[in-house]
Full PDB file with SEQRES, HELIX, SHEET, SSBOND, CRYST1, ORIGX, SCALE, CONECT and MASTER records, all heavy atoms in Angstrom:
SEQRES   1 A   46  ALA ALA PHE LEU PHE SER GLY LEU PHE LYS LEU VAL LEU          
SEQRES   2 A   46  SER HIS GLU LYS TYR ILE ALA ALA GLN ASP TRP ALA ALA          
SEQRES   3 A   46  ASP ALA PRO ARG TRP ALA PRO PRO ALA ILE GLY THR LEU          
SEQRES   4 A   46  GLU VAL LEU GLY ALA ILE GLY                                  
HELIX    1 AA1 ALA A    2  VAL A   12  1                                  11    
HELIX    2 AA2 HIS A   15  ALA A   21  1                                   7    
HELIX    3 AA3 ASP A   23  ASP A   27  5                                   5    
HELIX    4 AA4 ALA A   32  ILE A   45  1                                  14    
CRYST1    1.000    1.000    1.000  90.00  90.00  90.00 P 1           1          
ORIGX1      1.000000  0.000000  0.000000        0.00000                         
ORIGX2      0.000000  1.000000  0.000000        0.00000                         
ORIGX3      0.000000  0.000000  1.000000        0.00000                         
SCALE1      1.000000  0.000000  0.000000        0.00000                         
SCALE2      0.000000  1.000000  0.000000        0.00000                         
SCALE3      0.000000  0.000000  1.000000        0.00000                         
ATOM      1  N   ALA A   1      21.435  -8.574  -0.984  1.00  0.00           N  
ATOM      2  CA  ALA A   1      21.016  -8.041  -2.284  1.00  0.00           C  
ATOM      3  C   ALA A   1      19.744  -7.210  -2.160  1.00  0.00           C  
ATOM      4  O   ALA A   1      19.665  -6.092  -2.692  1.00  0.00           O  
ATOM      5  CB  ALA A   1      20.804  -9.194  -3.275  1.00  0.00           C  
ATOM      6  N   ALA A   2      18.766  -7.730  -1.452  1.00  0.00           N  
ATOM      7  CA  ALA A   2      17.488  -7.018  -1.313  1.00  0.00           C  
ATOM      8  C   ALA A   2      17.665  -5.696  -0.578  1.00  0.00           C  
ATOM      9  O   ALA A   2      17.146  -4.650  -1.010  1.00  0.00           O  
ATOM     10  CB  ALA A   2      16.476  -7.903  -0.579  1.00  0.00           C  
ATOM     11  N   PHE A   3      18.387  -5.713   0.530  1.00  0.00           N  
ATOM     12  CA  PHE A   3      18.539  -4.491   1.317  1.00  0.00           C  
ATOM     13  C   PHE A   3      19.501  -3.508   0.681  1.00  0.00           C  
ATOM     14  O   PHE A   3      19.334  -2.297   0.837  1.00  0.00           O  
ATOM     15  CB  PHE A   3      18.941  -4.824   2.750  1.00  0.00           C  
ATOM     16  CG  PHE A   3      17.781  -5.275   3.581  1.00  0.00           C  
ATOM     17  CD1 PHE A   3      17.627  -6.605   3.923  1.00  0.00           C  
ATOM     18  CD2 PHE A   3      16.817  -4.379   3.998  1.00  0.00           C  
ATOM     19  CE1 PHE A   3      16.557  -7.029   4.688  1.00  0.00           C  
ATOM     20  CE2 PHE A   3      15.729  -4.787   4.758  1.00  0.00           C  
ATOM     21  CZ  PHE A   3      15.593  -6.112   5.096  1.00  0.00           C  
ATOM     22  N   LEU A   4      20.487  -3.980  -0.043  1.00  0.00           N  
ATOM     23  CA  LEU A   4      21.374  -3.069  -0.755  1.00  0.00           C  
ATOM     24  C   LEU A   4      20.591  -2.320  -1.829  1.00  0.00           C  
ATOM     25  O   LEU A   4      20.695  -1.096  -1.958  1.00  0.00           O  
ATOM     26  CB  LEU A   4      22.546  -3.831  -1.365  1.00  0.00           C  
ATOM     27  CG  LEU A   4      23.656  -2.976  -1.960  1.00  0.00           C  
ATOM     28  CD1 LEU A   4      24.302  -2.104  -0.889  1.00  0.00           C  
ATOM     29  CD2 LEU A   4      24.707  -3.873  -2.597  1.00  0.00           C  
ATOM     30  N   PHE A   5      19.781  -3.046  -2.585  1.00  0.00           N  
ATOM     31  CA  PHE A   5      18.945  -2.414  -3.611  1.00  0.00           C  
ATOM     32  C   PHE A   5      17.976  -1.427  -2.986  1.00  0.00           C  
ATOM     33  O   PHE A   5      17.874  -0.274  -3.416  1.00  0.00           O  
ATOM     34  CB  PHE A   5      18.183  -3.473  -4.415  1.00  0.00           C  
ATOM     35  CG  PHE A   5      17.204  -2.886  -5.376  1.00  0.00           C  
ATOM     36  CD1 PHE A   5      17.633  -2.355  -6.587  1.00  0.00           C  
ATOM     37  CD2 PHE A   5      15.853  -2.821  -5.078  1.00  0.00           C  
ATOM     38  CE1 PHE A   5      16.732  -1.788  -7.482  1.00  0.00           C  
ATOM     39  CE2 PHE A   5      14.941  -2.261  -5.951  1.00  0.00           C  
ATOM     40  CZ  PHE A   5      15.388  -1.743  -7.164  1.00  0.00           C  
ATOM     41  N   SER A   6      17.264  -1.860  -1.966  1.00  0.00           N  
ATOM     42  CA  SER A   6      16.268  -1.015  -1.323  1.00  0.00           C  
ATOM     43  C   SER A   6      16.907   0.218  -0.689  1.00  0.00           C  
ATOM     44  O   SER A   6      16.394   1.336  -0.813  1.00  0.00           O  
ATOM     45  CB  SER A   6      15.510  -1.823  -0.264  1.00  0.00           C  
ATOM     46  OG  SER A   6      14.606  -1.003   0.429  1.00  0.00           O  
ATOM     47  N   GLY A   7      18.016   0.019  -0.009  1.00  0.00           N  
ATOM     48  CA  GLY A   7      18.690   1.132   0.654  1.00  0.00           C  
ATOM     49  C   GLY A   7      19.237   2.137  -0.327  1.00  0.00           C  
ATOM     50  O   GLY A   7      19.080   3.357  -0.140  1.00  0.00           O  
ATOM     51  N   LEU A   8      19.867   1.664  -1.393  1.00  0.00           N  
ATOM     52  CA  LEU A   8      20.401   2.593  -2.394  1.00  0.00           C  
ATOM     53  C   LEU A   8      19.278   3.336  -3.099  1.00  0.00           C  
ATOM     54  O   LEU A   8      19.428   4.518  -3.444  1.00  0.00           O  
ATOM     55  CB  LEU A   8      21.281   1.842  -3.403  1.00  0.00           C  
ATOM     56  CG  LEU A   8      22.614   1.350  -2.844  1.00  0.00           C  
ATOM     57  CD1 LEU A   8      23.353   0.523  -3.897  1.00  0.00           C  
ATOM     58  CD2 LEU A   8      23.463   2.500  -2.345  1.00  0.00           C  
ATOM     59  N   PHE A   9      18.156   2.672  -3.311  1.00  0.00           N  
ATOM     60  CA  PHE A   9      16.976   3.304  -3.914  1.00  0.00           C  
ATOM     61  C   PHE A   9      16.546   4.500  -3.062  1.00  0.00           C  
ATOM     62  O   PHE A   9      16.258   5.578  -3.584  1.00  0.00           O  
ATOM     63  CB  PHE A   9      15.858   2.263  -4.022  1.00  0.00           C  
ATOM     64  CG  PHE A   9      14.633   2.712  -4.750  1.00  0.00           C  
ATOM     65  CD1 PHE A   9      14.648   2.897  -6.125  1.00  0.00           C  
ATOM     66  CD2 PHE A   9      13.449   2.919  -4.070  1.00  0.00           C  
ATOM     67  CE1 PHE A   9      13.507   3.284  -6.800  1.00  0.00           C  
ATOM     68  CE2 PHE A   9      12.300   3.310  -4.731  1.00  0.00           C  
ATOM     69  CZ  PHE A   9      12.333   3.499  -6.109  1.00  0.00           C  
ATOM     70  N   LYS A  10      16.522   4.312  -1.754  1.00  0.00           N  
ATOM     71  CA  LYS A  10      16.118   5.393  -0.833  1.00  0.00           C  
ATOM     72  C   LYS A  10      17.157   6.508  -0.796  1.00  0.00           C  
ATOM     73  O   LYS A  10      16.823   7.671  -0.596  1.00  0.00           O  
ATOM     74  CB  LYS A  10      15.895   4.839   0.570  1.00  0.00           C  
ATOM     75  CG  LYS A  10      14.678   3.969   0.707  1.00  0.00           C  
ATOM     76  CD  LYS A  10      14.604   3.355   2.099  1.00  0.00           C  
ATOM     77  CE  LYS A  10      13.381   2.489   2.272  1.00  0.00           C  
ATOM     78  NZ  LYS A  10      13.503   1.188   1.607  1.00  0.00           N  
ATOM     79  N   LEU A  11      18.430   6.159  -0.956  1.00  0.00           N  
ATOM     80  CA  LEU A  11      19.497   7.147  -0.857  1.00  0.00           C  
ATOM     81  C   LEU A  11      19.724   7.927  -2.149  1.00  0.00           C  
ATOM     82  O   LEU A  11      20.091   9.097  -2.102  1.00  0.00           O  
ATOM     83  CB  LEU A  11      20.807   6.458  -0.440  1.00  0.00           C  
ATOM     84  CG  LEU A  11      20.840   5.916   0.981  1.00  0.00           C  
ATOM     85  CD1 LEU A  11      22.099   5.088   1.199  1.00  0.00           C  
ATOM     86  CD2 LEU A  11      20.748   7.042   1.994  1.00  0.00           C  
ATOM     87  N   VAL A  12      19.509   7.294  -3.277  1.00  0.00           N  
ATOM     88  CA  VAL A  12      19.836   7.921  -4.559  1.00  0.00           C  
ATOM     89  C   VAL A  12      18.725   8.841  -5.063  1.00  0.00           C  
ATOM     90  O   VAL A  12      19.003   9.916  -5.595  1.00  0.00           O  
ATOM     91  CB  VAL A  12      20.173   6.831  -5.610  1.00  0.00           C  
ATOM     92  CG1 VAL A  12      20.312   7.409  -6.988  1.00  0.00           C  
ATOM     93  CG2 VAL A  12      21.444   6.106  -5.210  1.00  0.00           C  
ATOM     94  N   LEU A  13      17.480   8.438  -4.880  1.00  0.00           N  
ATOM     95  CA  LEU A  13      16.375   9.242  -5.398  1.00  0.00           C  
ATOM     96  C   LEU A  13      16.165  10.497  -4.561  1.00  0.00           C  
ATOM     97  O   LEU A  13      16.348  10.483  -3.342  1.00  0.00           O  
ATOM     98  CB  LEU A  13      15.078   8.434  -5.405  1.00  0.00           C  
ATOM     99  CG  LEU A  13      14.959   7.308  -6.412  1.00  0.00           C  
ATOM    100  CD1 LEU A  13      13.589   6.660  -6.303  1.00  0.00           C  
ATOM    101  CD2 LEU A  13      15.182   7.794  -7.826  1.00  0.00           C  
ATOM    102  N   SER A  14      15.746  11.554  -5.229  1.00  0.00           N  
ATOM    103  CA  SER A  14      15.375  12.760  -4.496  1.00  0.00           C  
ATOM    104  C   SER A  14      14.116  12.466  -3.683  1.00  0.00           C  
ATOM    105  O   SER A  14      13.388  11.509  -3.965  1.00  0.00           O  
ATOM    106  CB  SER A  14      15.114  13.912  -5.465  1.00  0.00           C  
ATOM    107  OG  SER A  14      13.938  13.662  -6.211  1.00  0.00           O  
ATOM    108  N   HIS A  15      13.859  13.301  -2.705  1.00  0.00           N  
ATOM    109  CA  HIS A  15      12.691  13.084  -1.840  1.00  0.00           C  
ATOM    110  C   HIS A  15      11.404  13.077  -2.659  1.00  0.00           C  
ATOM    111  O   HIS A  15      10.529  12.230  -2.449  1.00  0.00           O  
ATOM    112  CB  HIS A  15      12.639  14.165  -0.758  1.00  0.00           C  
ATOM    113  CG  HIS A  15      11.574  13.946   0.259  1.00  0.00           C  
ATOM    114  ND1 HIS A  15      11.608  12.883   1.141  1.00  0.00           N  
ATOM    115  CD2 HIS A  15      10.437  14.622   0.525  1.00  0.00           C  
ATOM    116  CE1 HIS A  15      10.542  12.929   1.913  1.00  0.00           C  
ATOM    117  NE2 HIS A  15       9.813  13.977   1.568  1.00  0.00           N  
ATOM    118  N   GLU A  16      11.287  13.968  -3.602  1.00  0.00           N  
ATOM    119  CA  GLU A  16      10.077  14.056  -4.419  1.00  0.00           C  
ATOM    120  C   GLU A  16       9.902  12.807  -5.286  1.00  0.00           C  
ATOM    121  O   GLU A  16       8.797  12.280  -5.415  1.00  0.00           O  
ATOM    122  CB  GLU A  16      10.116  15.309  -5.304  1.00  0.00           C  
ATOM    123  CG  GLU A  16      10.017  16.609  -4.515  1.00  0.00           C  
ATOM    124  CD  GLU A  16      11.299  16.966  -3.743  1.00  0.00           C  
ATOM    125  OE1 GLU A  16      12.398  16.518  -4.151  1.00  0.00           O  
ATOM    126  OE2 GLU A  16      11.177  17.662  -2.724  1.00  0.00           O  
ATOM    127  N   LYS A  17      10.981  12.333  -5.884  1.00  0.00           N  
ATOM    128  CA  LYS A  17      10.890  11.128  -6.713  1.00  0.00           C  
ATOM    129  C   LYS A  17      10.598   9.899  -5.860  1.00  0.00           C  
ATOM    130  O   LYS A  17       9.873   8.999  -6.287  1.00  0.00           O  
ATOM    131  CB  LYS A  17      12.177  10.918  -7.510  1.00  0.00           C  
ATOM    132  CG  LYS A  17      12.326  11.895  -8.655  1.00  0.00           C  
ATOM    133  CD  LYS A  17      13.559  11.592  -9.468  1.00  0.00           C  
ATOM    134  CE  LYS A  17      13.693  12.595 -10.598  1.00  0.00           C  
ATOM    135  NZ  LYS A  17      14.913  12.361 -11.375  1.00  0.00           N  
ATOM    136  N   TYR A  18      11.146   9.871  -4.651  1.00  0.00           N  
ATOM    137  CA  TYR A  18      10.879   8.725  -3.784  1.00  0.00           C  
ATOM    138  C   TYR A  18       9.422   8.711  -3.344  1.00  0.00           C  
ATOM    139  O   TYR A  18       8.796   7.650  -3.297  1.00  0.00           O  
ATOM    140  CB  TYR A  18      11.816   8.712  -2.571  1.00  0.00           C  
ATOM    141  CG  TYR A  18      11.703   7.412  -1.817  1.00  0.00           C  
ATOM    142  CD1 TYR A  18      12.274   6.252  -2.327  1.00  0.00           C  
ATOM    143  CD2 TYR A  18      10.983   7.322  -0.636  1.00  0.00           C  
ATOM    144  CE1 TYR A  18      12.142   5.042  -1.676  1.00  0.00           C  
ATOM    145  CE2 TYR A  18      10.849   6.124   0.027  1.00  0.00           C  
ATOM    146  CZ  TYR A  18      11.431   4.989  -0.497  1.00  0.00           C  
ATOM    147  OH  TYR A  18      11.276   3.798   0.144  1.00  0.00           O  
ATOM    148  N   ILE A  19       8.868   9.870  -3.044  1.00  0.00           N  
ATOM    149  CA  ILE A  19       7.450   9.950  -2.672  1.00  0.00           C  
ATOM    150  C   ILE A  19       6.578   9.477  -3.831  1.00  0.00           C  
ATOM    151  O   ILE A  19       5.577   8.784  -3.622  1.00  0.00           O  
ATOM    152  CB  ILE A  19       7.067  11.387  -2.245  1.00  0.00           C  
ATOM    153  CG1 ILE A  19       7.672  11.690  -0.881  1.00  0.00           C  
ATOM    154  CG2 ILE A  19       5.559  11.566  -2.198  1.00  0.00           C  
ATOM    155  CD1 ILE A  19       7.480  13.124  -0.432  1.00  0.00           C  
ATOM    156  N   ALA A  20       6.957   9.831  -5.055  1.00  0.00           N  
ATOM    157  CA  ALA A  20       6.186   9.389  -6.220  1.00  0.00           C  
ATOM    158  C   ALA A  20       6.227   7.868  -6.360  1.00  0.00           C  
ATOM    159  O   ALA A  20       5.256   7.255  -6.808  1.00  0.00           O  
ATOM    160  CB  ALA A  20       6.728  10.046  -7.484  1.00  0.00           C  
ATOM    161  N   ALA A  21       7.332   7.253  -5.949  1.00  0.00           N  
ATOM    162  CA  ALA A  21       7.473   5.797  -6.064  1.00  0.00           C  
ATOM    163  C   ALA A  21       6.889   5.054  -4.866  1.00  0.00           C  
ATOM    164  O   ALA A  21       6.400   3.935  -5.005  1.00  0.00           O  
ATOM    165  CB  ALA A  21       8.947   5.428  -6.224  1.00  0.00           C  
ATOM    166  N   GLN A  22       6.935   5.677  -3.682  1.00  0.00           N  
ATOM    167  CA  GLN A  22       6.507   5.031  -2.448  1.00  0.00           C  
ATOM    168  C   GLN A  22       5.601   5.987  -1.672  1.00  0.00           C  
ATOM    169  O   GLN A  22       6.085   6.960  -1.092  1.00  0.00           O  
ATOM    170  CB  GLN A  22       7.713   4.654  -1.580  1.00  0.00           C  
ATOM    171  CG  GLN A  22       8.651   3.667  -2.233  1.00  0.00           C  
ATOM    172  CD  GLN A  22       8.042   2.286  -2.319  1.00  0.00           C  
ATOM    173  OE1 GLN A  22       7.299   1.857  -1.449  1.00  0.00           O  
ATOM    174  NE2 GLN A  22       8.364   1.572  -3.379  1.00  0.00           N  
ATOM    175  N   ASP A  23       4.323   5.685  -1.624  1.00  0.00           N  
ATOM    176  CA  ASP A  23       3.348   6.572  -0.979  1.00  0.00           C  
ATOM    177  C   ASP A  23       3.627   6.832   0.496  1.00  0.00           C  
ATOM    178  O   ASP A  23       3.346   7.913   1.005  1.00  0.00           O  
ATOM    179  CB  ASP A  23       1.928   6.006  -1.120  1.00  0.00           C  
ATOM    180  CG  ASP A  23       1.443   6.021  -2.555  1.00  0.00           C  
ATOM    181  OD1 ASP A  23       1.957   6.832  -3.344  1.00  0.00           O  
ATOM    182  OD2 ASP A  23       0.542   5.226  -2.874  1.00  0.00           O  
ATOM    183  N   TRP A  24       4.157   5.846   1.201  1.00  0.00           N  
ATOM    184  CA  TRP A  24       4.359   5.996   2.636  1.00  0.00           C  
ATOM    185  C   TRP A  24       5.273   7.156   2.971  1.00  0.00           C  
ATOM    186  O   TRP A  24       5.151   7.763   4.040  1.00  0.00           O  
ATOM    187  CB  TRP A  24       4.900   4.712   3.266  1.00  0.00           C  
ATOM    188  CG  TRP A  24       6.315   4.396   2.890  1.00  0.00           C  
ATOM    189  CD1 TRP A  24       6.734   3.605   1.868  1.00  0.00           C  
ATOM    190  CD2 TRP A  24       7.503   4.862   3.533  1.00  0.00           C  
ATOM    191  NE1 TRP A  24       8.104   3.550   1.825  1.00  0.00           N  
ATOM    192  CE2 TRP A  24       8.599   4.315   2.841  1.00  0.00           C  
ATOM    193  CE3 TRP A  24       7.747   5.684   4.626  1.00  0.00           C  
ATOM    194  CZ2 TRP A  24       9.912   4.569   3.196  1.00  0.00           C  
ATOM    195  CZ3 TRP A  24       9.067   5.940   4.985  1.00  0.00           C  
ATOM    196  CH2 TRP A  24      10.131   5.380   4.280  1.00  0.00           C  
ATOM    197  N   ALA A  25       6.189   7.495   2.080  1.00  0.00           N  
ATOM    198  CA  ALA A  25       7.168   8.543   2.364  1.00  0.00           C  
ATOM    199  C   ALA A  25       6.528   9.919   2.477  1.00  0.00           C  
ATOM    200  O   ALA A  25       7.081  10.802   3.129  1.00  0.00           O  
ATOM    201  CB  ALA A  25       8.250   8.541   1.296  1.00  0.00           C  
ATOM    202  N   ALA A  26       5.358  10.102   1.885  1.00  0.00           N  
ATOM    203  CA  ALA A  26       4.679  11.392   1.987  1.00  0.00           C  
ATOM    204  C   ALA A  26       4.235  11.665   3.420  1.00  0.00           C  
ATOM    205  O   ALA A  26       4.167  12.824   3.842  1.00  0.00           O  
ATOM    206  CB  ALA A  26       3.488  11.430   1.046  1.00  0.00           C  
ATOM    207  N   ASP A  27       3.951  10.625   4.177  1.00  0.00           N  
ATOM    208  CA  ASP A  27       3.501  10.771   5.565  1.00  0.00           C  
ATOM    209  C   ASP A  27       4.654  10.723   6.568  1.00  0.00           C  
ATOM    210  O   ASP A  27       4.440  10.924   7.757  1.00  0.00           O  
ATOM    211  CB  ASP A  27       2.500   9.666   5.920  1.00  0.00           C  
ATOM    212  CG  ASP A  27       1.249   9.737   5.062  1.00  0.00           C  
ATOM    213  OD1 ASP A  27       0.907  10.835   4.597  1.00  0.00           O  
ATOM    214  OD2 ASP A  27       0.623   8.681   4.862  1.00  0.00           O  
ATOM    215  N   ALA A  28       5.845  10.454   6.086  1.00  0.00           N  
ATOM    216  CA  ALA A  28       7.004  10.315   6.969  1.00  0.00           C  
ATOM    217  C   ALA A  28       7.817  11.615   6.955  1.00  0.00           C  
ATOM    218  O   ALA A  28       7.737  12.398   6.007  1.00  0.00           O  
ATOM    219  CB  ALA A  28       7.877   9.158   6.487  1.00  0.00           C  
ATOM    220  N   PRO A  29       8.611  11.824   8.001  1.00  0.00           N  
ATOM    221  CA  PRO A  29       9.502  12.981   7.985  1.00  0.00           C  
ATOM    222  C   PRO A  29      10.473  12.891   6.812  1.00  0.00           C  
ATOM    223  O   PRO A  29      10.814  11.795   6.355  1.00  0.00           O  
ATOM    224  CB  PRO A  29      10.256  12.896   9.311  1.00  0.00           C  
ATOM    225  CG  PRO A  29       9.495  11.936  10.146  1.00  0.00           C  
ATOM    226  CD  PRO A  29       8.709  11.060   9.228  1.00  0.00           C  
ATOM    227  N   ARG A  30      10.931  14.027   6.349  1.00  0.00           N  
ATOM    228  CA  ARG A  30      11.820  14.080   5.184  1.00  0.00           C  
ATOM    229  C   ARG A  30      13.099  13.255   5.394  1.00  0.00           C  
ATOM    230  O   ARG A  30      13.647  12.700   4.457  1.00  0.00           O  
ATOM    231  CB  ARG A  30      12.155  15.529   4.862  1.00  0.00           C  
ATOM    232  CG  ARG A  30      12.913  15.722   3.597  1.00  0.00           C  
ATOM    233  CD  ARG A  30      13.071  17.209   3.274  1.00  0.00           C  
ATOM    234  NE  ARG A  30      13.666  17.414   1.977  1.00  0.00           N  
ATOM    235  CZ  ARG A  30      13.006  17.463   0.833  1.00  0.00           C  
ATOM    236  NH1 ARG A  30      11.700  17.332   0.827  1.00  0.00           N  
ATOM    237  NH2 ARG A  30      13.625  17.658  -0.303  1.00  0.00           N  
ATOM    238  N   TRP A  31      13.564  13.167   6.634  1.00  0.00           N  
ATOM    239  CA  TRP A  31      14.805  12.455   6.925  1.00  0.00           C  
ATOM    240  C   TRP A  31      14.619  10.944   6.987  1.00  0.00           C  
ATOM    241  O   TRP A  31      15.606  10.192   6.968  1.00  0.00           O  
ATOM    242  CB  TRP A  31      15.406  12.944   8.247  1.00  0.00           C  
ATOM    243  CG  TRP A  31      14.468  12.843   9.407  1.00  0.00           C  
ATOM    244  CD1 TRP A  31      13.676  13.832   9.903  1.00  0.00           C  
ATOM    245  CD2 TRP A  31      14.198  11.684  10.205  1.00  0.00           C  
ATOM    246  NE1 TRP A  31      12.935  13.371  10.958  1.00  0.00           N  
ATOM    247  CE2 TRP A  31      13.231  12.054  11.169  1.00  0.00           C  
ATOM    248  CE3 TRP A  31      14.665  10.375  10.207  1.00  0.00           C  
ATOM    249  CZ2 TRP A  31      12.731  11.155  12.116  1.00  0.00           C  
ATOM    250  CZ3 TRP A  31      14.166   9.487  11.147  1.00  0.00           C  
ATOM    251  CH2 TRP A  31      13.216   9.882  12.091  1.00  0.00           C  
ATOM    252  N   ALA A  32      13.392  10.448   7.075  1.00  0.00           N  
ATOM    253  CA  ALA A  32      13.156   9.016   7.296  1.00  0.00           C  
ATOM    254  C   ALA A  32      13.654   8.117   6.163  1.00  0.00           C  
ATOM    255  O   ALA A  32      14.375   7.146   6.433  1.00  0.00           O  
ATOM    256  CB  ALA A  32      11.685   8.752   7.595  1.00  0.00           C  
ATOM    257  N   PRO A  33      13.287   8.371   4.897  1.00  0.00           N  
ATOM    258  CA  PRO A  33      13.785   7.459   3.850  1.00  0.00           C  
ATOM    259  C   PRO A  33      15.307   7.382   3.765  1.00  0.00           C  
ATOM    260  O   PRO A  33      15.854   6.270   3.707  1.00  0.00           O  
ATOM    261  CB  PRO A  33      13.157   8.011   2.563  1.00  0.00           C  
ATOM    262  CG  PRO A  33      11.912   8.692   3.027  1.00  0.00           C  
ATOM    263  CD  PRO A  33      12.277   9.298   4.364  1.00  0.00           C  
ATOM    264  N   PRO A  34      16.045   8.511   3.799  1.00  0.00           N  
ATOM    265  CA  PRO A  34      17.505   8.355   3.770  1.00  0.00           C  
ATOM    266  C   PRO A  34      18.063   7.655   5.012  1.00  0.00           C  
ATOM    267  O   PRO A  34      19.026   6.887   4.908  1.00  0.00           O  
ATOM    268  CB  PRO A  34      18.033   9.796   3.684  1.00  0.00           C  
ATOM    269  CG  PRO A  34      16.894  10.630   3.279  1.00  0.00           C  
ATOM    270  CD  PRO A  34      15.653   9.917   3.675  1.00  0.00           C  
ATOM    271  N   ALA A  35      17.459   7.889   6.164  1.00  0.00           N  
ATOM    272  CA  ALA A  35      17.931   7.216   7.381  1.00  0.00           C  
ATOM    273  C   ALA A  35      17.697   5.712   7.282  1.00  0.00           C  
ATOM    274  O   ALA A  35      18.593   4.912   7.602  1.00  0.00           O  
ATOM    275  CB  ALA A  35      17.228   7.791   8.607  1.00  0.00           C  
ATOM    276  N   ILE A  36      16.518   5.323   6.826  1.00  0.00           N  
ATOM    277  CA  ILE A  36      16.209   3.900   6.668  1.00  0.00           C  
ATOM    278  C   ILE A  36      17.114   3.295   5.596  1.00  0.00           C  
ATOM    279  O   ILE A  36      17.626   2.180   5.745  1.00  0.00           O  
ATOM    280  CB  ILE A  36      14.720   3.696   6.334  1.00  0.00           C  
ATOM    281  CG1 ILE A  36      13.859   4.147   7.516  1.00  0.00           C  
ATOM    282  CG2 ILE A  36      14.433   2.237   5.972  1.00  0.00           C  
ATOM    283  CD1 ILE A  36      12.388   4.288   7.184  1.00  0.00           C  
ATOM    284  N   GLY A  37      17.333   4.035   4.514  1.00  0.00           N  
ATOM    285  CA  GLY A  37      18.219   3.557   3.450  1.00  0.00           C  
ATOM    286  C   GLY A  37      19.637   3.320   3.950  1.00  0.00           C  
ATOM    287  O   GLY A  37      20.276   2.330   3.594  1.00  0.00           O  
ATOM    288  N   THR A  38      20.122   4.211   4.802  1.00  0.00           N  
ATOM    289  CA  THR A  38      21.457   4.047   5.376  1.00  0.00           C  
ATOM    290  C   THR A  38      21.520   2.792   6.238  1.00  0.00           C  
ATOM    291  O   THR A  38      22.469   2.005   6.141  1.00  0.00           O  
ATOM    292  CB  THR A  38      21.837   5.291   6.205  1.00  0.00           C  
ATOM    293  OG1 THR A  38      21.814   6.434   5.350  1.00  0.00           O  
ATOM    294  CG2 THR A  38      23.206   5.143   6.831  1.00  0.00           C  
ATOM    295  N   LEU A  39      20.496   2.588   7.066  1.00  0.00           N  
ATOM    296  CA  LEU A  39      20.448   1.380   7.904  1.00  0.00           C  
ATOM    297  C   LEU A  39      20.410   0.121   7.034  1.00  0.00           C  
ATOM    298  O   LEU A  39      21.053  -0.892   7.356  1.00  0.00           O  
ATOM    299  CB  LEU A  39      19.243   1.419   8.827  1.00  0.00           C  
ATOM    300  CG  LEU A  39      19.269   2.481   9.927  1.00  0.00           C  
ATOM    301  CD1 LEU A  39      17.934   2.522  10.657  1.00  0.00           C  
ATOM    302  CD2 LEU A  39      20.412   2.226  10.881  1.00  0.00           C  
ATOM    303  N   GLU A  40      19.648   0.170   5.949  1.00  0.00           N  
ATOM    304  CA  GLU A  40      19.544  -1.003   5.071  1.00  0.00           C  
ATOM    305  C   GLU A  40      20.875  -1.307   4.382  1.00  0.00           C  
ATOM    306  O   GLU A  40      21.274  -2.478   4.289  1.00  0.00           O  
ATOM    307  CB  GLU A  40      18.440  -0.789   4.038  1.00  0.00           C  
ATOM    308  CG  GLU A  40      17.060  -0.819   4.638  1.00  0.00           C  
ATOM    309  CD  GLU A  40      15.947  -0.518   3.654  1.00  0.00           C  
ATOM    310  OE1 GLU A  40      16.220  -0.022   2.540  1.00  0.00           O  
ATOM    311  OE2 GLU A  40      14.786  -0.784   4.003  1.00  0.00           O  
ATOM    312  N   VAL A  41      21.571  -0.284   3.911  1.00  0.00           N  
ATOM    313  CA  VAL A  41      22.865  -0.512   3.254  1.00  0.00           C  
ATOM    314  C   VAL A  41      23.875  -1.053   4.265  1.00  0.00           C  
ATOM    315  O   VAL A  41      24.604  -2.014   3.974  1.00  0.00           O  
ATOM    316  CB  VAL A  41      23.377   0.778   2.577  1.00  0.00           C  
ATOM    317  CG1 VAL A  41      24.820   0.628   2.133  1.00  0.00           C  
ATOM    318  CG2 VAL A  41      22.501   1.133   1.382  1.00  0.00           C  
ATOM    319  N   LEU A  42      23.916  -0.459   5.455  1.00  0.00           N  
ATOM    320  CA  LEU A  42      24.830  -0.958   6.478  1.00  0.00           C  
ATOM    321  C   LEU A  42      24.486  -2.390   6.878  1.00  0.00           C  
ATOM    322  O   LEU A  42      25.388  -3.216   7.084  1.00  0.00           O  
ATOM    323  CB  LEU A  42      24.803  -0.038   7.696  1.00  0.00           C  
ATOM    324  CG  LEU A  42      25.422   1.345   7.501  1.00  0.00           C  
ATOM    325  CD1 LEU A  42      25.189   2.213   8.729  1.00  0.00           C  
ATOM    326  CD2 LEU A  42      26.889   1.240   7.158  1.00  0.00           C  
ATOM    327  N   GLY A  43      23.208  -2.698   6.980  1.00  0.00           N  
ATOM    328  CA  GLY A  43      22.788  -4.064   7.299  1.00  0.00           C  
ATOM    329  C   GLY A  43      23.176  -5.041   6.206  1.00  0.00           C  
ATOM    330  O   GLY A  43      23.610  -6.167   6.488  1.00  0.00           O  
ATOM    331  N   ALA A  44      23.018  -4.624   4.952  1.00  0.00           N  
ATOM    332  CA  ALA A  44      23.396  -5.486   3.826  1.00  0.00           C  
ATOM    333  C   ALA A  44      24.884  -5.801   3.857  1.00  0.00           C  
ATOM    334  O   ALA A  44      25.295  -6.946   3.617  1.00  0.00           O  
ATOM    335  CB  ALA A  44      23.032  -4.805   2.508  1.00  0.00           C  
ATOM    336  N   ILE A  45      25.675  -4.807   4.179  1.00  0.00           N  
ATOM    337  CA  ILE A  45      27.118  -5.031   4.295  1.00  0.00           C  
ATOM    338  C   ILE A  45      27.416  -5.921   5.503  1.00  0.00           C  
ATOM    339  O   ILE A  45      28.221  -6.852   5.424  1.00  0.00           O  
ATOM    340  CB  ILE A  45      27.858  -3.683   4.408  1.00  0.00           C  
ATOM    341  CG1 ILE A  45      27.724  -2.901   3.093  1.00  0.00           C  
ATOM    342  CG2 ILE A  45      29.325  -3.887   4.760  1.00  0.00           C  
ATOM    343  CD1 ILE A  45      28.140  -1.447   3.187  1.00  0.00           C  
ATOM    344  N   GLY A  46      26.722  -5.662   6.594  1.00  0.00           N  
ATOM    345  CA  GLY A  46      26.993  -6.375   7.843  1.00  0.00           C  
ATOM    346  C   GLY A  46      26.620  -7.842   7.851  1.00  0.00           C  
ATOM    347  O   GLY A  46      27.218  -8.621   8.599  1.00  0.00           O  
TER     348      GLY A  46                                                      
MASTER        0    0    0    4    0    0    0    6  347    1    0    4          
END                                                                             
């Protein structure tokens, strides 16, 4: 439940909206939040 929510949050929001919600994303490469979100969703399923 936790990782599905977190992963979908990273995948659904635009990069700009995600940065507004999570400060760390401003310092990360643009691809990092969706990549982490994908890993979290796959982990939640797994």
